[in-house]
């Protein structure tokens, strides 16, 4: 299960993810991020503080959205990932692609 909460804060979208991001719900996140970005082209901060798990499909969605944002000189920031999620980002080298905070 994945809960997604979004709001605009100053010059970026803040998106909080709760639960698990995997093949069963990654399309939900993709649609959500595409919708908010279409509404307003801003940087996106993904708060992973309450994200318990992410698989390769979830990572693929985030990479796909990042490519779209880069066309407009925007970025994705990963905020407060749990240790296990942070480990996956390091193993895959994605910690060098995304801006990491906290």
C-alpha atoms as a PDB file:
ATOM      1  CA  UNK A   1       0.000   0.000   0.000  1.00  0.00           C
ATOM      2  CA  UNK A   2       1.191   3.517  -0.809  1.00  0.00           C
ATOM      3  CA  UNK A   3      -0.198   6.814   0.449  1.00  0.00           C
ATOM      4  CA  UNK A   4       0.788  10.005  -1.370  1.00  0.00           C
ATOM      5  CA  UNK A   5       0.349  13.486   0.105  1.00  0.00           C
ATOM      6  CA  UNK A   6       1.359  16.527  -1.963  1.00  0.00           C
ATOM      7  CA  UNK A   7       1.467  20.263  -1.393  1.00  0.00           C
ATOM      8  CA  UNK A   8       3.265  23.266  -2.806  1.00  0.00           C
ATOM      9  CA  UNK A   9       5.756  24.830  -0.427  1.00  0.00           C
ATOM     10  CA  UNK A  10       7.448  27.988  -1.711  1.00  0.00           C
ATOM     11  CA  UNK A  11       9.115  26.984  -4.984  1.00  0.00           C
ATOM     12  CA  UNK A  12       8.647  23.214  -4.967  1.00  0.00           C
ATOM     13  CA  UNK A  13       6.200  20.350  -4.705  1.00  0.00           C
ATOM     14  CA  UNK A  14       6.548  18.443  -1.435  1.00  0.00           C
ATOM     15  CA  UNK A  15       5.414  14.852  -1.884  1.00  0.00           C
ATOM     16  CA  UNK A  16       5.305  12.555   1.119  1.00  0.00           C
ATOM     17  CA  UNK A  17       5.241   8.817   0.464  1.00  0.00           C
ATOM     18  CA  UNK A  18       4.011   6.394   3.129  1.00  0.00           C
ATOM     19  CA  UNK A  19       4.171   2.615   2.867  1.00  0.00           C
ATOM     20  CA  UNK A  20       5.759   0.594   0.100  1.00  0.00           C
ATOM     21  CA  UNK A  21       6.499   1.657  -3.474  1.00  0.00           C
ATOM     22  CA  UNK A  22       6.612  -1.378  -5.734  1.00  0.00           C
ATOM     23  CA  UNK A  23       5.325  -2.839  -8.982  1.00  0.00           C
ATOM     24  CA  UNK A  24       1.770  -3.003  -7.610  1.00  0.00           C
ATOM     25  CA  UNK A  25       1.441   0.756  -7.096  1.00  0.00           C
ATOM     26  CA  UNK A  26       4.214   2.478  -9.042  1.00  0.00           C
ATOM     27  CA  UNK A  27       1.761   3.499 -11.788  1.00  0.00           C
ATOM     28  CA  UNK A  28      -0.238   5.384  -9.130  1.00  0.00           C
ATOM     29  CA  UNK A  29       2.854   7.414  -8.225  1.00  0.00           C
ATOM     30  CA  UNK A  30       3.728   8.005 -11.878  1.00  0.00           C
ATOM     31  CA  UNK A  31       0.271   9.397 -12.614  1.00  0.00           C
ATOM     32  CA  UNK A  32       0.306  11.509  -9.464  1.00  0.00           C
ATOM     33  CA  UNK A  33       3.718  13.071 -10.159  1.00  0.00           C
ATOM     34  CA  UNK A  34       2.856  13.715 -13.807  1.00  0.00           C
ATOM     35  CA  UNK A  35      -0.415  15.384 -12.763  1.00  0.00           C
ATOM     36  CA  UNK A  36       1.096  17.717 -10.191  1.00  0.00           C
ATOM     37  CA  UNK A  37       3.993  18.599 -12.476  1.00  0.00           C
ATOM     38  CA  UNK A  38       1.587  19.381 -15.305  1.00  0.00           C
ATOM     39  CA  UNK A  39      -0.287  21.662 -12.925  1.00  0.00           C
ATOM     40  CA  UNK A  40       2.826  23.618 -11.953  1.00  0.00           C
ATOM     41  CA  UNK A  41       6.390  23.062 -13.197  1.00  0.00           C
ATOM     42  CA  UNK A  42       8.404  23.101  -9.977  1.00  0.00           C
ATOM     43  CA  UNK A  43      11.150  21.063  -8.336  1.00  0.00           C
ATOM     44  CA  UNK A  44       9.841  17.992  -6.522  1.00  0.00           C
ATOM     45  CA  UNK A  45      10.931  16.987  -3.022  1.00  0.00           C
ATOM     46  CA  UNK A  46      10.089  13.359  -2.310  1.00  0.00           C
ATOM     47  CA  UNK A  47       9.891  12.808   1.436  1.00  0.00           C
ATOM     48  CA  UNK A  48      10.889   9.188   2.059  1.00  0.00           C
ATOM     49  CA  UNK A  49      10.738   9.442   5.870  1.00  0.00           C
ATOM     50  CA  UNK A  50       7.742   7.074   5.969  1.00  0.00           C
ATOM     51  CA  UNK A  51       8.601   5.002   2.897  1.00  0.00           C
ATOM     52  CA  UNK A  52       9.344   1.483   4.119  1.00  0.00           C
ATOM     53  CA  UNK A  53      10.361  -0.115   0.816  1.00  0.00           C
ATOM     54  CA  UNK A  54      11.069   0.696  -2.816  1.00  0.00           C
ATOM     55  CA  UNK A  55      11.716  -1.731  -5.667  1.00  0.00           C
ATOM     56  CA  UNK A  56      13.233  -1.278  -9.123  1.00  0.00           C
ATOM     57  CA  UNK A  57       9.874  -0.383 -10.661  1.00  0.00           C
ATOM     58  CA  UNK A  58       9.440   2.438  -8.161  1.00  0.00           C
ATOM     59  CA  UNK A  59      12.966   3.658  -8.843  1.00  0.00           C
ATOM     60  CA  UNK A  60      12.224   3.552 -12.568  1.00  0.00           C
ATOM     61  CA  UNK A  61       9.177   5.797 -12.109  1.00  0.00           C
ATOM     62  CA  UNK A  62      11.225   8.372 -10.218  1.00  0.00           C
ATOM     63  CA  UNK A  63      13.984   8.300 -12.842  1.00  0.00           C
ATOM     64  CA  UNK A  64      11.382   8.770 -15.587  1.00  0.00           C
ATOM     65  CA  UNK A  65       9.908  11.794 -13.830  1.00  0.00           C
ATOM     66  CA  UNK A  66      13.398  13.220 -13.253  1.00  0.00           C
ATOM     67  CA  UNK A  67      14.055  13.114 -17.020  1.00  0.00           C
ATOM     68  CA  UNK A  68      10.869  15.107 -17.567  1.00  0.00           C
ATOM     69  CA  UNK A  69      11.825  17.682 -14.908  1.00  0.00           C
ATOM     70  CA  UNK A  70      15.343  18.080 -16.313  1.00  0.00           C
ATOM     71  CA  UNK A  71      13.842  19.301 -19.608  1.00  0.00           C
ATOM     72  CA  UNK A  72      12.622  22.339 -17.637  1.00  0.00           C
ATOM     73  CA  UNK A  73      15.820  22.644 -15.531  1.00  0.00           C
ATOM     74  CA  UNK A  74      14.038  21.280 -12.468  1.00  0.00           C
ATOM     75  CA  UNK A  75      15.210  18.628 -10.012  1.00  0.00           C
ATOM     76  CA  UNK A  76      14.013  15.852  -7.737  1.00  0.00           C
ATOM     77  CA  UNK A  77      15.183  15.886  -4.148  1.00  0.00           C
ATOM     78  CA  UNK A  78      15.037  12.787  -1.942  1.00  0.00           C
ATOM     79  CA  UNK A  79      14.384  13.781   1.675  1.00  0.00           C
ATOM     80  CA  UNK A  80      14.938  11.701   4.831  1.00  0.00           C
ATOM     81  CA  UNK A  81      15.178   8.200   3.347  1.00  0.00           C
ATOM     82  CA  UNK A  82      15.146   5.325   5.823  1.00  0.00           C
ATOM     83  CA  UNK A  83      18.402   3.350   6.062  1.00  0.00           C
ATOM     84  CA  UNK A  84      17.170   0.445   3.928  1.00  0.00           C
ATOM     85  CA  UNK A  85      15.899   2.771   1.174  1.00  0.00           C
ATOM     86  CA  UNK A  86      19.063   4.855   1.321  1.00  0.00           C
ATOM     87  CA  UNK A  87      21.097   1.644   0.946  1.00  0.00           C
ATOM     88  CA  UNK A  88      19.219   0.779  -2.265  1.00  0.00           C
ATOM     89  CA  UNK A  89      19.899   4.278  -3.625  1.00  0.00           C
ATOM     90  CA  UNK A  90      23.615   3.862  -2.872  1.00  0.00           C
ATOM     91  CA  UNK A  91      23.862   0.341  -4.311  1.00  0.00           C
ATOM     92  CA  UNK A  92      22.208   1.461  -7.549  1.00  0.00           C
ATOM     93  CA  UNK A  93      24.227   4.691  -7.707  1.00  0.00           C
ATOM     94  CA  UNK A  94      21.052   6.751  -7.757  1.00  0.00           C
ATOM     95  CA  UNK A  95      22.248   8.753  -4.760  1.00  0.00           C
ATOM     96  CA  UNK A  96      24.532  10.482  -7.291  1.00  0.00           C
ATOM     97  CA  UNK A  97      21.648  11.285  -9.663  1.00  0.00           C
ATOM     98  CA  UNK A  98      19.156  12.593  -7.128  1.00  0.00           C
ATOM     99  CA  UNK A  99      19.793  15.419  -4.703  1.00  0.00           C
ATOM    100  CA  UNK A 100      19.766  13.841  -1.238  1.00  0.00           C
ATOM    101  CA  UNK A 101      18.660  15.724   1.881  1.00  0.00           C
ATOM    102  CA  UNK A 102      18.773  14.444   5.441  1.00  0.00           C
END
